[in-house]
């Protein structure tokens, strides 16, 4: 029997655009309460209004996943408003690519903080309530380059490989509490993170809605089954 998402409470980081926005809308359409997290408050409130106007339940919480206190506050607000946290989708990410020798160390450091520490901080914040109820599902968004590197972005690849390692270790650590962990590896997706590609190239990329559909599928899988990994890419992507 598939899991009914109606009434479930999901935290989505990086919710204001791209995959985060698409999965927030998809979860709302399934009846979930969606806690929207992003640094972009304007886009966050716009999405919250869009969901509530359509009859859904959404709470926008301006949050910076680089800050452990923000992540704690995010989890607490979800608990205060909805009483439980059933789902965490660690989606927030930054993409810095290019030659190592001409890269900006400050930008790369910020990428590491968002892409790795942000995943850890948010997971750390929600786990106590999930363990107390012995249920939950954590979705960590890695990337196709979390399995196969590409030379244009060594440090970006490193962060996505780290998400993969974190997810698998976490899954084994918390499975006795019946908390599931799924790692998603999207191929090239038409979001703001791939602006350097031409419109013709981006036409062949995945759409955020495609990735959101895969995430919802994993969340609806029977609770006795753990879908550990999902790789999704455009039919036309060769790499």
C-alpha atoms as a PDB file:
ATOM      1  CA  UNK A   1       0.000   0.000   0.000  1.00  0.00           C
ATOM      2  CA  UNK A   2       1.395   3.387  -0.950  1.00  0.00           C
ATOM      3  CA  UNK A   3       1.950   6.035   1.717  1.00  0.00           C
ATOM      4  CA  UNK A   4      -0.752   8.690   1.784  1.00  0.00           C
ATOM      5  CA  UNK A   5       0.981  12.068   2.016  1.00  0.00           C
ATOM      6  CA  UNK A   6      -2.164  13.951   3.036  1.00  0.00           C
ATOM      7  CA  UNK A   7      -1.566  15.589   6.413  1.00  0.00           C
ATOM      8  CA  UNK A   8       2.141  14.758   6.435  1.00  0.00           C
ATOM      9  CA  UNK A   9       4.501  17.627   7.223  1.00  0.00           C
ATOM     10  CA  UNK A  10       7.489  18.153   4.936  1.00  0.00           C
ATOM     11  CA  UNK A  11      10.376  20.590   5.258  1.00  0.00           C
ATOM     12  CA  UNK A  12      11.876  21.578   1.905  1.00  0.00           C
ATOM     13  CA  UNK A  13      15.130  23.552   1.825  1.00  0.00           C
ATOM     14  CA  UNK A  14      15.988  25.684  -1.183  1.00  0.00           C
ATOM     15  CA  UNK A  15      12.242  25.867  -1.750  1.00  0.00           C
ATOM     16  CA  UNK A  16      12.018  29.225  -3.505  1.00  0.00           C
ATOM     17  CA  UNK A  17      13.066  28.049  -6.962  1.00  0.00           C
ATOM     18  CA  UNK A  18      14.102  25.118  -9.139  1.00  0.00           C
ATOM     19  CA  UNK A  19      13.653  21.594  -7.822  1.00  0.00           C
ATOM     20  CA  UNK A  20      12.746  22.840  -4.359  1.00  0.00           C
ATOM     21  CA  UNK A  21       9.858  24.899  -5.670  1.00  0.00           C
ATOM     22  CA  UNK A  22       8.623  22.069  -7.891  1.00  0.00           C
ATOM     23  CA  UNK A  23       8.676  19.472  -5.120  1.00  0.00           C
ATOM     24  CA  UNK A  24       6.960  21.878  -2.707  1.00  0.00           C
ATOM     25  CA  UNK A  25       4.085  22.304  -5.153  1.00  0.00           C
ATOM     26  CA  UNK A  26       3.938  18.566  -5.836  1.00  0.00           C
ATOM     27  CA  UNK A  27       3.770  17.740  -2.130  1.00  0.00           C
ATOM     28  CA  UNK A  28       1.079  20.350  -1.570  1.00  0.00           C
ATOM     29  CA  UNK A  29      -0.947  18.804  -4.395  1.00  0.00           C
ATOM     30  CA  UNK A  30      -0.787  15.517  -2.479  1.00  0.00           C
ATOM     31  CA  UNK A  31      -2.197  17.191   0.634  1.00  0.00           C
ATOM     32  CA  UNK A  32       1.015  17.587   2.611  1.00  0.00           C
ATOM     33  CA  UNK A  33       1.779  20.527   4.888  1.00  0.00           C
ATOM     34  CA  UNK A  34       4.860  22.128   3.352  1.00  0.00           C
ATOM     35  CA  UNK A  35       7.392  24.113   5.376  1.00  0.00           C
ATOM     36  CA  UNK A  36       9.268  26.207   2.848  1.00  0.00           C
ATOM     37  CA  UNK A  37      12.863  27.193   3.647  1.00  0.00           C
ATOM     38  CA  UNK A  38      15.022  29.603   1.680  1.00  0.00           C
ATOM     39  CA  UNK A  39      17.197  32.692   2.061  1.00  0.00           C
ATOM     40  CA  UNK A  40      15.090  34.484  -0.551  1.00  0.00           C
ATOM     41  CA  UNK A  41      12.171  35.733   1.522  1.00  0.00           C
ATOM     42  CA  UNK A  42      10.360  37.419  -1.368  1.00  0.00           C
ATOM     43  CA  UNK A  43      10.218  34.282  -3.504  1.00  0.00           C
ATOM     44  CA  UNK A  44       9.434  32.226  -0.418  1.00  0.00           C
ATOM     45  CA  UNK A  45       6.366  34.282   0.436  1.00  0.00           C
ATOM     46  CA  UNK A  46       5.250  34.248  -3.193  1.00  0.00           C
ATOM     47  CA  UNK A  47       5.320  30.449  -3.201  1.00  0.00           C
ATOM     48  CA  UNK A  48       3.583  30.274   0.163  1.00  0.00           C
ATOM     49  CA  UNK A  49       0.805  32.488  -1.199  1.00  0.00           C
ATOM     50  CA  UNK A  50       0.518  30.361  -4.349  1.00  0.00           C
ATOM     51  CA  UNK A  51       0.081  27.193  -2.305  1.00  0.00           C
ATOM     52  CA  UNK A  52      -2.374  28.603   0.213  1.00  0.00           C
ATOM     53  CA  UNK A  53      -4.386  30.348  -2.495  1.00  0.00           C
ATOM     54  CA  UNK A  54      -4.816  26.946  -4.126  1.00  0.00           C
ATOM     55  CA  UNK A  55      -6.140  25.458  -0.893  1.00  0.00           C
ATOM     56  CA  UNK A  56      -2.906  23.948   0.400  1.00  0.00           C
ATOM     57  CA  UNK A  57      -1.056  24.408   3.669  1.00  0.00           C
ATOM     58  CA  UNK A  58       2.349  26.109   3.593  1.00  0.00           C
ATOM     59  CA  UNK A  59       4.611  27.926   6.020  1.00  0.00           C
ATOM     60  CA  UNK A  60       7.460  30.042   4.706  1.00  0.00           C
ATOM     61  CA  UNK A  61      10.472  30.294   7.021  1.00  0.00           C
ATOM     62  CA  UNK A  62      13.385  32.437   5.920  1.00  0.00           C
ATOM     63  CA  UNK A  63      16.366  30.199   6.684  1.00  0.00           C
ATOM     64  CA  UNK A  64      20.043  29.933   5.894  1.00  0.00           C
ATOM     65  CA  UNK A  65      21.148  26.296   6.023  1.00  0.00           C
ATOM     66  CA  UNK A  66      24.725  27.449   6.591  1.00  0.00           C
ATOM     67  CA  UNK A  67      23.673  28.441  10.119  1.00  0.00           C
ATOM     68  CA  UNK A  68      22.953  25.725  12.650  1.00  0.00           C
ATOM     69  CA  UNK A  69      20.658  28.018  14.661  1.00  0.00           C
ATOM     70  CA  UNK A  70      18.540  28.733  11.573  1.00  0.00           C
ATOM     71  CA  UNK A  71      18.122  25.009  10.981  1.00  0.00           C
ATOM     72  CA  UNK A  72      17.076  24.441  14.592  1.00  0.00           C
ATOM     73  CA  UNK A  73      14.583  27.300  14.353  1.00  0.00           C
ATOM     74  CA  UNK A  74      13.224  25.894  11.077  1.00  0.00           C
ATOM     75  CA  UNK A  75      12.545  22.504  12.653  1.00  0.00           C
ATOM     76  CA  UNK A  76      11.020  24.058  15.760  1.00  0.00           C
ATOM     77  CA  UNK A  77       8.647  26.255  13.764  1.00  0.00           C
ATOM     78  CA  UNK A  78       7.489  23.207  11.799  1.00  0.00           C
ATOM     79  CA  UNK A  79       6.777  21.421  15.090  1.00  0.00           C
ATOM     80  CA  UNK A  80       5.078  24.441  16.638  1.00  0.00           C
ATOM     81  CA  UNK A  81       2.712  24.900  13.688  1.00  0.00           C
ATOM     82  CA  UNK A  82       2.059  21.334  12.523  1.00  0.00           C
ATOM     83  CA  UNK A  83       3.037  19.219  15.524  1.00  0.00           C
ATOM     84  CA  UNK A  84       5.305  16.798  13.687  1.00  0.00           C
ATOM     85  CA  UNK A  85       7.935  16.475  10.982  1.00  0.00           C
ATOM     86  CA  UNK A  86       7.444  13.508   8.660  1.00  0.00           C
ATOM     87  CA  UNK A  87       9.682  14.455   5.753  1.00  0.00           C
ATOM     88  CA  UNK A  88      12.878  16.434   5.264  1.00  0.00           C
ATOM     89  CA  UNK A  89      14.034  17.251   1.762  1.00  0.00           C
ATOM     90  CA  UNK A  90      17.608  18.531   1.798  1.00  0.00           C
ATOM     91  CA  UNK A  91      17.584  20.330  -1.527  1.00  0.00           C
ATOM     92  CA  UNK A  92      19.411  23.637  -0.938  1.00  0.00           C
ATOM     93  CA  UNK A  93      22.639  23.737  -2.939  1.00  0.00           C
ATOM     94  CA  UNK A  94      25.154  26.028  -4.602  1.00  0.00           C
ATOM     95  CA  UNK A  95      27.105  25.173  -7.758  1.00  0.00           C
ATOM     96  CA  UNK A  96      30.605  26.591  -8.245  1.00  0.00           C
ATOM     97  CA  UNK A  97      32.537  25.228 -11.217  1.00  0.00           C
ATOM     98  CA  UNK A  98      35.666  26.141 -13.146  1.00  0.00           C
ATOM     99  CA  UNK A  99      39.447  25.723 -12.917  1.00  0.00           C
ATOM    100  CA  UNK A 100      40.781  25.218  -9.418  1.00  0.00           C
ATOM    101  CA  UNK A 101      43.652  27.671  -9.804  1.00  0.00           C
ATOM    102  CA  UNK A 102      41.372  30.575 -10.777  1.00  0.00           C
ATOM    103  CA  UNK A 103      38.518  29.702  -8.425  1.00  0.00           C
ATOM    104  CA  UNK A 104      37.467  31.903  -5.520  1.00  0.00           C
ATOM    105  CA  UNK A 105      38.201  30.080  -2.245  1.00  0.00           C
ATOM    106  CA  UNK A 106      35.517  32.054  -0.417  1.00  0.00           C
ATOM    107  CA  UNK A 107      32.847  30.984  -2.923  1.00  0.00           C
ATOM    108  CA  UNK A 108      33.980  27.374  -2.714  1.00  0.00           C
ATOM    109  CA  UNK A 109      33.921  27.490   1.085  1.00  0.00           C
ATOM    110  CA  UNK A 110      30.341  28.782   1.008  1.00  0.00           C
ATOM    111  CA  UNK A 111      29.397  25.972  -1.387  1.00  0.00           C
ATOM    112  CA  UNK A 112      30.787  23.406   1.037  1.00  0.00           C
ATOM    113  CA  UNK A 113      28.856  24.993   3.889  1.00  0.00           C
ATOM    114  CA  UNK A 114      25.561  24.885   1.963  1.00  0.00           C
ATOM    115  CA  UNK A 115      25.951  21.573   0.156  1.00  0.00           C
ATOM    116  CA  UNK A 116      27.411  19.497   2.999  1.00  0.00           C
ATOM    117  CA  UNK A 117      27.001  21.233   6.344  1.00  0.00           C
ATOM    118  CA  UNK A 118      23.495  22.409   5.433  1.00  0.00           C
ATOM    119  CA  UNK A 119      22.441  18.793   4.915  1.00  0.00           C
ATOM    120  CA  UNK A 120      23.973  17.823   8.246  1.00  0.00           C
ATOM    121  CA  UNK A 121      22.517  20.773  10.176  1.00  0.00           C
ATOM    122  CA  UNK A 122      18.964  20.215   8.922  1.00  0.00           C
ATOM    123  CA  UNK A 123      19.155  16.469   9.506  1.00  0.00           C
ATOM    124  CA  UNK A 124      20.531  17.075  13.003  1.00  0.00           C
ATOM    125  CA  UNK A 125      17.592  19.393  13.717  1.00  0.00           C
ATOM    126  CA  UNK A 126      14.780  17.033  12.656  1.00  0.00           C
ATOM    127  CA  UNK A 127      16.081  13.681  13.865  1.00  0.00           C
ATOM    128  CA  UNK A 128      15.092  13.940  17.548  1.00  0.00           C
ATOM    129  CA  UNK A 129      11.389  14.338  16.727  1.00  0.00           C
ATOM    130  CA  UNK A 130      11.534  11.639  14.047  1.00  0.00           C
ATOM    131  CA  UNK A 131      13.242   9.194  16.401  1.00  0.00           C
ATOM    132  CA  UNK A 132      10.738   9.957  19.152  1.00  0.00           C
ATOM    133  CA  UNK A 133       7.902   8.897  16.824  1.00  0.00           C
ATOM    134  CA  UNK A 134       9.950   6.111  15.157  1.00  0.00           C
ATOM    135  CA  UNK A 135       9.027   7.292  11.676  1.00  0.00           C
ATOM    136  CA  UNK A 136      10.207   9.688   9.014  1.00  0.00           C
ATOM    137  CA  UNK A 137      11.743  10.023   5.580  1.00  0.00           C
ATOM    138  CA  UNK A 138      14.812  12.065   4.672  1.00  0.00           C
ATOM    139  CA  UNK A 139      15.474  12.856   1.024  1.00  0.00           C
ATOM    140  CA  UNK A 140      18.955  14.131   0.180  1.00  0.00           C
ATOM    141  CA  UNK A 141      19.465  15.656  -3.261  1.00  0.00           C
ATOM    142  CA  UNK A 142      22.877  14.785  -4.627  1.00  0.00           C
ATOM    143  CA  UNK A 143      23.545  14.957  -8.382  1.00  0.00           C
ATOM    144  CA  UNK A 144      24.578  12.825 -11.304  1.00  0.00           C
ATOM    145  CA  UNK A 145      28.080  14.100 -10.545  1.00  0.00           C
ATOM    146  CA  UNK A 146      27.739  12.560  -7.097  1.00  0.00           C
ATOM    147  CA  UNK A 147      28.396   9.244  -8.827  1.00  0.00           C
ATOM    148  CA  UNK A 148      30.511  10.266 -11.790  1.00  0.00           C
ATOM    149  CA  UNK A 149      32.767  13.306 -11.623  1.00  0.00           C
ATOM    150  CA  UNK A 150      33.172  15.898 -14.320  1.00  0.00           C
ATOM    151  CA  UNK A 151      36.427  17.848 -14.736  1.00  0.00           C
ATOM    152  CA  UNK A 152      34.838  21.314 -14.813  1.00  0.00           C
ATOM    153  CA  UNK A 153      33.801  21.189 -11.148  1.00  0.00           C
ATOM    154  CA  UNK A 154      36.053  19.175  -8.815  1.00  0.00           C
ATOM    155  CA  UNK A 155      34.813  20.771  -5.596  1.00  0.00           C
ATOM    156  CA  UNK A 156      31.163  20.698  -6.668  1.00  0.00           C
ATOM    157  CA  UNK A 157      31.591  16.980  -7.375  1.00  0.00           C
ATOM    158  CA  UNK A 158      33.244  16.561  -3.980  1.00  0.00           C
ATOM    159  CA  UNK A 159      30.227  18.048  -2.200  1.00  0.00           C
ATOM    160  CA  UNK A 160      27.817  15.808  -4.068  1.00  0.00           C
ATOM    161  CA  UNK A 161      29.921  12.695  -3.416  1.00  0.00           C
ATOM    162  CA  UNK A 162      29.857  13.753   0.252  1.00  0.00           C
ATOM    163  CA  UNK A 163      26.053  13.867   0.238  1.00  0.00           C
ATOM    164  CA  UNK A 164      26.053  10.345  -1.134  1.00  0.00           C
ATOM    165  CA  UNK A 165      28.389   9.084   1.619  1.00  0.00           C
ATOM    166  CA  UNK A 166      26.474  10.937   4.326  1.00  0.00           C
ATOM    167  CA  UNK A 167      23.161   9.497   3.144  1.00  0.00           C
ATOM    168  CA  UNK A 168      24.282   5.881   3.103  1.00  0.00           C
ATOM    169  CA  UNK A 169      25.944   6.113   6.506  1.00  0.00           C
ATOM    170  CA  UNK A 170      22.916   7.900   7.929  1.00  0.00           C
ATOM    171  CA  UNK A 171      20.536   5.305   6.504  1.00  0.00           C
ATOM    172  CA  UNK A 172      22.327   2.503   8.323  1.00  0.00           C
ATOM    173  CA  UNK A 173      22.544   4.526  11.541  1.00  0.00           C
ATOM    174  CA  UNK A 174      18.830   5.340  11.839  1.00  0.00           C
ATOM    175  CA  UNK A 175      17.035   2.448  10.133  1.00  0.00           C
ATOM    176  CA  UNK A 176      16.241   0.841  13.509  1.00  0.00           C
ATOM    177  CA  UNK A 177      13.930   3.800  14.153  1.00  0.00           C
ATOM    178  CA  UNK A 178      12.145   3.040  10.858  1.00  0.00           C
ATOM    179  CA  UNK A 179      13.383   6.309   9.383  1.00  0.00           C
ATOM    180  CA  UNK A 180      14.056   5.987   5.667  1.00  0.00           C
ATOM    181  CA  UNK A 181      16.765   7.790   3.726  1.00  0.00           C
ATOM    182  CA  UNK A 182      16.706   8.257  -0.035  1.00  0.00           C
ATOM    183  CA  UNK A 183      19.435   9.867  -2.125  1.00  0.00           C
ATOM    184  CA  UNK A 184      18.363  11.413  -5.424  1.00  0.00           C
ATOM    185  CA  UNK A 185      20.828  11.841  -8.293  1.00  0.00           C
ATOM    186  CA  UNK A 186      19.312  14.188 -10.879  1.00  0.00           C
ATOM    187  CA  UNK A 187      20.995  14.579 -14.237  1.00  0.00           C
ATOM    188  CA  UNK A 188      21.185  17.991 -15.856  1.00  0.00           C
ATOM    189  CA  UNK A 189      18.080  19.899 -14.851  1.00  0.00           C
ATOM    190  CA  UNK A 190      16.857  23.173 -16.285  1.00  0.00           C
ATOM    191  CA  UNK A 191      17.250  25.442 -13.254  1.00  0.00           C
ATOM    192  CA  UNK A 192      19.082  28.650 -12.418  1.00  0.00           C
ATOM    193  CA  UNK A 193      22.183  26.571 -11.657  1.00  0.00           C
ATOM    194  CA  UNK A 194      22.871  25.784 -15.315  1.00  0.00           C
ATOM    195  CA  UNK A 195      22.653  29.290 -16.744  1.00  0.00           C
ATOM    196  CA  UNK A 196      25.903  28.851 -18.646  1.00  0.00           C
ATOM    197  CA  UNK A 197      24.259  26.410 -21.060  1.00  0.00           C
ATOM    198  CA  UNK A 198      22.526  27.671 -24.191  1.00  0.00           C
ATOM    199  CA  UNK A 199      18.709  27.594 -24.500  1.00  0.00           C
ATOM    200  CA  UNK A 200      19.079  24.863 -27.137  1.00  0.00           C
ATOM    201  CA  UNK A 201      21.097  22.693 -24.741  1.00  0.00           C
ATOM    202  CA  UNK A 202      18.758  23.327 -21.823  1.00  0.00           C
ATOM    203  CA  UNK A 203      15.795  22.281 -23.923  1.00  0.00           C
ATOM    204  CA  UNK A 204      17.046  18.695 -23.593  1.00  0.00           C
ATOM    205  CA  UNK A 205      17.522  18.846 -19.810  1.00  0.00           C
ATOM    206  CA  UNK A 206      15.162  17.506 -17.177  1.00  0.00           C
ATOM    207  CA  UNK A 207      12.538  19.870 -15.850  1.00  0.00           C
ATOM    208  CA  UNK A 208      12.315  20.421 -12.071  1.00  0.00           C
ATOM    209  CA  UNK A 209       8.869  18.800 -12.186  1.00  0.00           C
ATOM    210  CA  UNK A 210      10.417  15.567 -13.443  1.00  0.00           C
ATOM    211  CA  UNK A 211      12.687  15.374 -10.404  1.00  0.00           C
ATOM    212  CA  UNK A 212       9.833  16.338  -8.096  1.00  0.00           C
ATOM    213  CA  UNK A 213       7.783  13.465  -9.486  1.00  0.00           C
ATOM    214  CA  UNK A 214      10.539  10.993  -8.663  1.00  0.00           C
ATOM    215  CA  UNK A 215      10.789  12.349  -5.120  1.00  0.00           C
ATOM    216  CA  UNK A 216       7.045  12.054  -4.532  1.00  0.00           C
ATOM    217  CA  UNK A 217       7.181   8.491  -5.886  1.00  0.00           C
ATOM    218  CA  UNK A 218       9.867   7.582  -3.350  1.00  0.00           C
ATOM    219  CA  UNK A 219       7.905   9.167  -0.510  1.00  0.00           C
ATOM    220  CA  UNK A 220       4.790   7.181  -1.424  1.00  0.00           C
ATOM    221  CA  UNK A 221       6.569   3.833  -1.516  1.00  0.00           C
ATOM    222  CA  UNK A 222       5.341   1.377   1.145  1.00  0.00           C
ATOM    223  CA  UNK A 223       6.867   2.111   4.545  1.00  0.00           C
ATOM    224  CA  UNK A 224       8.265  -1.402   4.772  1.00  0.00           C
ATOM    225  CA  UNK A 225      10.401  -0.727   1.701  1.00  0.00           C
ATOM    226  CA  UNK A 226      13.346   1.647   1.521  1.00  0.00           C
ATOM    227  CA  UNK A 227      14.106   3.141  -1.872  1.00  0.00           C
ATOM    228  CA  UNK A 228      17.707   4.010  -1.119  1.00  0.00           C
ATOM    229  CA  UNK A 229      18.699   5.694  -4.378  1.00  0.00           C
ATOM    230  CA  UNK A 230      17.043   7.261  -7.405  1.00  0.00           C
ATOM    231  CA  UNK A 231      18.976   8.231 -10.512  1.00  0.00           C
ATOM    232  CA  UNK A 232      17.001  10.301 -12.991  1.00  0.00           C
ATOM    233  CA  UNK A 233      18.170  11.952 -16.194  1.00  0.00           C
ATOM    234  CA  UNK A 234      16.878  13.144 -19.509  1.00  0.00           C
ATOM    235  CA  UNK A 235      16.520  10.458 -22.156  1.00  0.00           C
ATOM    236  CA  UNK A 236      18.849  12.599 -24.284  1.00  0.00           C
ATOM    237  CA  UNK A 237      21.631  13.010 -21.729  1.00  0.00           C
ATOM    238  CA  UNK A 238      24.645  11.033 -22.889  1.00  0.00           C
ATOM    239  CA  UNK A 239      26.909  11.341 -19.849  1.00  0.00           C
END
